[in-house]
C-alpha atoms as a PDB file:
ATOM      1  CA  MET A   1      -0.122  -0.093   0.072  1.00  0.00           C
ATOM      2  CA  ILE A   2       1.148   3.465  -0.712  1.00  0.00           C
ATOM      3  CA  SER A   3      -0.080   6.218   1.931  1.00  0.00           C
ATOM      4  CA  THR A   4      -0.599   9.850  -0.356  1.00  0.00           C
ATOM      5  CA  GLY A   5      -1.881  11.680   2.715  1.00  0.00           C
ATOM      6  CA  MET A   6      -5.855  11.575   1.148  1.00  0.00           C
ATOM      7  CA  GLY A   7      -5.961   7.553   1.603  1.00  0.00           C
ATOM      8  CA  SER A   8      -4.052   4.837   0.401  1.00  0.00           C
ATOM      9  CA  TRP A   9      -3.842   2.462  -2.992  1.00  0.00           C
ATOM     10  CA  SER A  10      -2.490  -0.537  -4.450  1.00  0.00           C
ATOM     11  CA  PRO A  11      -0.384  -0.388  -7.661  1.00  0.00           C
ATOM     12  CA  LEU A  12      -0.886  -4.093  -7.690  1.00  0.00           C
ATOM     13  CA  VAL A  13      -5.060  -3.492  -7.433  1.00  0.00           C
ATOM     14  CA  PHE A  14      -4.446  -1.140  -9.960  1.00  0.00           C
ATOM     15  CA  LEU A  15      -2.910  -2.989 -12.611  1.00  0.00           C
ATOM     16  CA  ILE A  16      -5.789  -5.776 -12.286  1.00  0.00           C
ATOM     17  CA  CYS A  17      -8.346  -3.763 -12.204  1.00  0.00           C
ATOM     18  CA  VAL A  18      -7.025  -2.317 -15.490  1.00  0.00           C
ATOM     19  CA  ALA A  19      -6.679  -5.439 -16.857  1.00  0.00           C
ATOM     20  CA  PHE A  20      -9.591  -6.882 -16.004  1.00  0.00           C
ATOM     21  CA  ILE A  21     -11.306  -3.666 -17.614  1.00  0.00           C
ATOM     22  CA  SER A  22      -9.251  -4.261 -20.530  1.00  0.00           C
ATOM     23  CA  VAL A  23     -10.215  -7.915 -20.824  1.00  0.00           C
ATOM     24  CA  VAL A  24     -14.095  -6.520 -20.648  1.00  0.00           C
ATOM     25  CA  VAL A  25     -13.576  -3.938 -23.718  1.00  0.00           C
ATOM     26  CA  GLN A  26     -12.346  -6.295 -25.620  1.00  0.00           C
ATOM     27  CA  ILE A  27     -15.237  -9.025 -25.379  1.00  0.00           C
ATOM     28  CA  ILE A  28     -17.822  -6.173 -26.055  1.00  0.00           C
ATOM     29  CA  ARG A  29     -15.743  -5.028 -29.034  1.00  0.00           C
ATOM     30  CA  SER A  30     -15.499  -9.088 -30.362  1.00  0.00           C
ATOM     31  CA  LEU A  31     -19.434  -8.592 -29.900  1.00  0.00           C
ATOM     32  CA  GLY A  32     -19.299  -6.058 -32.893  1.00  0.00           C
ATOM     33  CA  GLU A  33     -20.182  -6.246 -36.401  1.00  0.00           C
ATOM     34  CA  GLY A  34     -17.239  -7.838 -38.115  1.00  0.00           C
ATOM     35  CA  GLY A  35     -18.092  -6.842 -41.891  1.00  0.00           C
ATOM     36  CA  PHE A  36     -17.696  -3.476 -41.267  1.00  0.00           C
ATOM     37  CA  ARG A  37     -16.302  -1.732 -44.407  1.00  0.00           C
ATOM     38  CA  LYS A  38     -15.055   2.008 -44.355  1.00  0.00           C
ATOM     39  CA  GLU A  39     -15.574   2.436 -47.596  1.00  0.00           C
ATOM     40  CA  GLU A  40     -19.657   1.921 -48.004  1.00  0.00           C
ATOM     41  CA  ASP A  41     -22.304   4.681 -47.413  1.00  0.00           C
ATOM     42  CA  LYS A  42     -22.912   3.671 -43.802  1.00  0.00           C
ATOM     43  CA  ALA A  43     -19.406   5.267 -42.868  1.00  0.00           C
ATOM     44  CA  GLU A  44     -21.058   8.589 -44.230  1.00  0.00           C
ATOM     45  CA  ALA A  45     -21.900  11.496 -41.996  1.00  0.00           C
ATOM     46  CA  PHE A  46     -25.608  11.844 -41.827  1.00  0.00           C
ATOM     47  CA  PHE A  47     -26.785  14.712 -43.478  1.00  0.00           C
ATOM     48  CA  SER A  48     -30.931  15.108 -42.703  1.00  0.00           C
ATOM     49  CA  GLY A  49     -31.548  12.098 -44.210  1.00  0.00           C
ATOM     50  CA  GLY A  50     -30.807  13.052 -47.827  1.00  0.00           C
ATOM     51  CA  ARG A  51     -27.818  12.466 -49.794  1.00  0.00           C
ATOM     52  CA  LEU A  52     -25.036  15.515 -49.919  1.00  0.00           C
ATOM     53  CA  LEU A  53     -24.777  16.098 -53.759  1.00  0.00           C
ATOM     54  CA  ILE A  54     -22.196  19.311 -53.667  1.00  0.00           C
ATOM     55  CA  LYS A  55     -19.081  18.735 -51.870  1.00  0.00           C
ATOM     56  CA  ASN A  56     -17.768  22.145 -51.399  1.00  0.00           C
ATOM     57  CA  ARG A  57     -14.105  22.561 -50.536  1.00  0.00           C
ATOM     58  CA  VAL A  58     -12.804  25.394 -48.158  1.00  0.00           C
ATOM     59  CA  MET A  59      -9.485  26.741 -47.865  1.00  0.00           C
ATOM     60  CA  ASP A  60      -9.599  26.222 -43.915  1.00  0.00           C
ATOM     61  CA  VAL A  61     -12.413  26.076 -41.020  1.00  0.00           C
ATOM     62  CA  TYR A  62     -11.411  29.615 -39.802  1.00  0.00           C
ATOM     63  CA  TRP A  63     -10.913  30.763 -43.660  1.00  0.00           C
ATOM     64  CA  GLY A  64     -13.839  33.663 -43.005  1.00  0.00           C
ATOM     65  CA  PHE A  65     -11.900  34.419 -39.611  1.00  0.00           C
ATOM     66  CA  PHE A  66      -8.772  35.252 -41.535  1.00  0.00           C
ATOM     67  CA  ASP A  67     -10.581  36.798 -44.147  1.00  0.00           C
ATOM     68  CA  ALA A  68     -12.153  39.728 -41.246  1.00  0.00           C
ATOM     69  CA  MET A  69      -8.999  39.600 -39.443  1.00  0.00           C
ATOM     70  CA  GLY A  70      -6.563  39.804 -42.820  1.00  0.00           C
ATOM     71  CA  ARG A  71      -5.024  43.135 -42.439  1.00  0.00           C
ATOM     72  CA  TYR A  72      -3.760  42.389 -38.987  1.00  0.00           C
ATOM     73  CA  TYR A  73      -2.725  39.156 -39.585  1.00  0.00           C
ATOM     74  CA  GLY A  74      -0.404  40.629 -42.861  1.00  0.00           C
ATOM     75  CA  TRP A  75       0.832  43.097 -40.471  1.00  0.00           C
ATOM     76  CA  MET A  76       1.882  40.150 -38.247  1.00  0.00           C
ATOM     77  CA  LYS A  77       3.470  37.991 -40.277  1.00  0.00           C
ATOM     78  CA  ARG A  78       5.213  40.906 -42.012  1.00  0.00           C
ATOM     79  CA  MET A  79       6.604  41.461 -38.724  1.00  0.00           C
ATOM     80  CA  HIS A  80       7.305  37.384 -37.422  1.00  0.00           C
ATOM     81  CA  ASN A  81      10.986  36.452 -38.557  1.00  0.00           C
ATOM     82  CA  GLY A  82      10.787  32.762 -37.366  1.00  0.00           C
ATOM     83  CA  ILE A  83      14.140  33.286 -34.802  1.00  0.00           C
ATOM     84  CA  VAL A  84      13.309  32.380 -31.673  1.00  0.00           C
ATOM     85  CA  ASN A  85      15.221  34.758 -29.979  1.00  0.00           C
ATOM     86  CA  ASP A  86      12.938  37.820 -31.095  1.00  0.00           C
ATOM     87  CA  TYR A  87      10.242  35.616 -29.522  1.00  0.00           C
ATOM     88  CA  VAL A  88      11.818  35.176 -26.402  1.00  0.00           C
ATOM     89  CA  TYR A  89      12.537  38.759 -26.301  1.00  0.00           C
ATOM     90  CA  TRP A  90       9.225  40.634 -27.104  1.00  0.00           C
ATOM     91  CA  PHE A  91       8.029  37.826 -24.158  1.00  0.00           C
ATOM     92  CA  VAL A  92      10.020  39.295 -21.441  1.00  0.00           C
ATOM     93  CA  LEU A  93       9.898  42.552 -22.704  1.00  0.00           C
ATOM     94  CA  LEU A  94       5.953  42.698 -22.519  1.00  0.00           C
ATOM     95  CA  VAL A  95       6.417  40.439 -18.850  1.00  0.00           C
ATOM     96  CA  THR A  96       8.531  43.354 -17.363  1.00  0.00           C
ATOM     97  CA  VAL A  97       6.030  45.990 -18.939  1.00  0.00           C
ATOM     98  CA  VAL A  98       3.524  44.187 -16.897  1.00  0.00           C
ATOM     99  CA  ILE A  99       4.793  43.540 -13.835  1.00  0.00           C
ATOM    100  CA  GLY A 100       6.112  47.444 -13.970  1.00  0.00           C
ATOM    101  CA  VAL A 101       2.431  48.352 -14.391  1.00  0.00           C
ATOM    102  CA  VAL A 102       0.793  46.304 -11.595  1.00  0.00           C
ATOM    103  CA  ILE A 103       3.517  47.345  -9.651  1.00  0.00           C
ATOM    104  CA  LEU A 104       3.169  51.111  -9.932  1.00  0.00           C
ATOM    105  CA  LEU A 105      -0.548  50.192  -9.678  1.00  0.00           C
END
């Protein structure tokens, strides 16, 4: 038994429980349908009972957000050069300013 101050637990009992749960999960999984093929229509997402006729390609899930914030992201891309030292410098500078403002207030 290992005492934690809030109670005690046994690593051996824990491992036995994990093994038992794993066996139960494998038994339940083995009772499932064996002939399922992901390539069939059954694996497609349900779309209100109808067939999805048009598949739209979009650049990104957040394309509207990036489009609306385009000027800001353009400015940020020009500002960032990919050198980690610069990012650390700006982070330390920002933390110093925030701590200074907190101390002065």
